Amino acid sequence: MSIAKILLADDEKPFVDTMIKRLKKRDIDIVAAYDGKEALACLEKDGSIEVVILDIKMPVMDGMTALKKIKSKHPLVEVIMLTGHATVETGIDGMKMGAFDYLMKPCDIEQLIAKVEEAAKRKRQQDQKIMEARIQAITLRQP
């Protein structure tokens, strides 16, 4: 079983292609988007995505704008921000806005996989809490 279904949103096609190959070799289910708008469309179509790896600097819709929209429409989806050296502050700002974490580009594949595993675990725990709360609410309404 895959550790998580991931959406990688980055406008650098060679980077995306390389990451997809490397992650698929590790049996990770991954889809790609090349800007923030495309990432949101992917999330609308595929409710099984648990973790989004989101580049901050992209055309059409940048990562920070996409993060805001992802967290408002899909609050339980975890987002890992990718940032270049000049934008560490932006990565931290992203965490303040609800991102799970941020990584510097280029990122170490093992570190990325570890972050994805942590993020997916947190999402699944949140999903489980919601399910338990719903079951409890239904149980309490029973006569």
Protein backbone atom coordinates (compact mmCIF):
# COMPACT_ATOMS: atom_id res chain seq x y z
CA MET A 1 0.00 0.00 0.00
CA SER A 2 1.17 3.48 -0.81
CA ILE A 3 2.06 5.74 2.13
CA ALA A 4 -0.26 8.45 0.77
CA LYS A 5 -1.76 9.85 -2.37
CA ILE A 6 0.26 12.95 -3.18
CA LEU A 7 -0.26 15.93 -5.43
CA LEU A 8 2.95 17.65 -6.50
CA ALA A 9 2.35 21.21 -7.71
CA ASP A 10 5.38 22.87 -9.26
CA ASP A 11 5.90 24.76 -12.52
CA GLU A 12 9.35 23.26 -13.17
CA LYS A 13 8.46 20.33 -15.43
CA PRO A 14 11.89 18.58 -15.25
CA PHE A 15 11.73 18.71 -11.43
CA VAL A 16 8.17 17.33 -11.41
CA ASP A 17 9.03 14.55 -13.89
CA THR A 18 12.08 13.52 -11.85
CA MET A 19 10.18 13.57 -8.55
CA ILE A 20 7.32 11.52 -10.00
CA LYS A 21 9.75 8.85 -11.26
CA ARG A 22 11.62 8.75 -7.94
CA LEU A 23 8.47 8.59 -5.82
CA LYS A 24 6.70 6.03 -8.01
CA LYS A 25 9.77 3.78 -7.66
CA ARG A 26 9.03 3.87 -3.93
CA ASP A 27 5.40 2.85 -4.56
CA ILE A 28 4.02 6.31 -3.83
CA ASP A 29 0.84 7.29 -5.64
CA ILE A 30 1.51 10.76 -7.07
CA VAL A 31 -0.17 13.13 -9.50
CA ALA A 32 1.18 16.40 -10.88
CA ALA A 33 -0.04 19.95 -11.36
CA TYR A 34 2.01 22.74 -12.88
CA ASP A 35 0.47 25.72 -11.09
CA GLY A 36 -1.78 26.48 -8.13
CA LYS A 37 -4.96 26.67 -10.19
CA GLU A 38 -4.32 23.23 -11.68
CA ALA A 39 -3.59 21.89 -8.19
CA LEU A 40 -7.00 23.09 -6.95
CA ALA A 41 -8.69 21.45 -9.95
CA CYS A 42 -6.91 18.16 -9.13
CA LEU A 43 -8.13 18.32 -5.53
CA GLU A 44 -11.70 18.94 -6.70
CA LYS A 45 -11.54 15.88 -8.98
CA ASP A 46 -9.73 13.51 -6.63
CA GLY A 47 -10.87 13.35 -3.01
CA SER A 48 -8.28 10.68 -2.17
CA ILE A 49 -5.35 13.13 -2.23
CA GLU A 50 -3.99 13.39 1.30
CA VAL A 51 -0.87 15.51 0.90
CA VAL A 52 -0.01 18.37 -1.46
CA ILE A 53 3.62 19.28 -2.09
CA LEU A 54 3.32 22.88 -3.18
CA ASP A 55 5.96 25.13 -4.72
CA ILE A 56 5.71 28.73 -3.56
CA LYS A 57 6.78 30.46 -6.78
CA MET A 58 4.55 29.48 -9.71
CA PRO A 59 2.81 31.35 -12.51
CA VAL A 60 -1.00 31.63 -12.83
CA MET A 61 -1.53 31.12 -9.07
CA ASP A 62 1.38 31.16 -6.64
CA GLY A 63 1.78 28.69 -3.81
CA MET A 64 0.66 31.04 -1.03
CA THR A 65 -2.61 31.85 -2.81
CA ALA A 66 -3.11 28.16 -3.58
CA LEU A 67 -2.42 27.28 0.08
CA LYS A 68 -5.15 29.68 1.25
CA LYS A 69 -7.64 28.19 -1.19
CA ILE A 70 -6.67 24.59 -0.40
CA LYS A 71 -7.05 25.17 3.34
CA SER A 72 -10.43 26.89 2.88
CA LYS A 73 -11.88 24.21 0.55
CA HIS A 74 -10.00 21.12 1.79
CA PRO A 75 -8.98 21.89 5.39
CA LEU A 76 -7.82 18.37 6.22
CA VAL A 77 -5.51 18.01 3.21
CA GLU A 78 -1.97 18.52 4.47
CA VAL A 79 0.33 20.84 2.51
CA ILE A 80 4.12 20.76 2.43
CA MET A 81 5.56 23.94 0.96
CA LEU A 82 8.67 23.89 -1.24
CA THR A 83 10.78 27.00 -1.06
CA GLY A 84 14.00 28.35 -2.55
CA HIS A 85 16.72 29.81 -0.32
CA ALA A 86 15.48 33.39 -0.71
CA THR A 87 12.00 32.61 0.59
CA VAL A 88 12.47 30.84 3.93
CA GLU A 89 10.27 33.52 5.52
CA THR A 90 7.55 32.67 3.00
CA GLY A 91 7.79 29.00 4.00
CA ILE A 92 7.35 29.98 7.63
CA ASP A 93 4.44 32.26 6.68
CA GLY A 94 2.90 29.27 4.90
CA MET A 95 3.07 27.24 8.10
CA LYS A 96 1.30 30.07 9.93
CA MET A 97 -1.42 29.78 7.26
CA GLY A 98 -1.86 26.07 7.87
CA ALA A 99 0.88 24.31 5.91
CA PHE A 100 2.16 21.15 7.59
CA ASP A 101 5.81 22.02 6.98
CA TYR A 102 8.18 23.44 4.42
CA LEU A 103 11.27 22.11 2.72
CA MET A 104 14.09 23.84 0.90
CA LYS A 105 14.58 23.14 -2.81
CA PRO A 106 16.24 20.99 -3.90
CA CYS A 107 15.00 18.66 -1.21
CA ASP A 108 16.38 15.32 -0.11
CA ILE A 109 14.03 12.56 -1.29
CA GLU A 110 14.21 10.65 2.01
CA GLN A 111 13.40 13.79 3.99
CA LEU A 112 10.49 14.53 1.63
CA ILE A 113 9.11 11.00 2.03
CA ALA A 114 9.40 11.25 5.83
CA LYS A 115 7.48 14.57 5.79
CA VAL A 116 4.81 13.08 3.51
CA GLU A 117 4.42 10.10 5.86
CA GLU A 118 4.05 12.45 8.87
CA ALA A 119 1.55 14.65 7.02
CA ALA A 120 -0.51 11.67 5.82
CA LYS A 121 -0.56 10.25 9.36
CA ARG A 122 -1.85 13.57 10.72
CA LYS A 123 -4.56 13.75 8.04
CA ARG A 124 -5.68 10.20 8.79
CA GLN A 125 -5.79 10.95 12.53
CA GLN A 126 -7.97 14.01 11.85
CA ASP A 127 -10.25 11.95 9.57
CA GLN A 128 -10.51 9.30 12.31
CA LYS A 129 -11.44 11.89 14.96
CA ILE A 130 -14.16 13.31 12.72
CA MET A 131 -15.52 9.83 12.01
CA GLU A 132 -15.57 8.98 15.73
CA ALA A 133 -17.33 12.25 16.54
CA ARG A 134 -19.98 11.55 13.88
CA ILE A 135 -20.52 8.02 15.19
CA GLN A 136 -20.82 9.35 18.74
CA ALA A 137 -23.33 12.02 17.63
CA ILE A 138 -25.44 9.38 15.86
CA THR A 139 -25.22 7.02 18.85
CA LEU A 140 -26.31 9.77 21.26
CA ARG A 141 -29.38 10.51 19.12
CA GLN A 142 -30.52 6.87 19.25
CA PRO A 143 -33.50 6.34 21.63
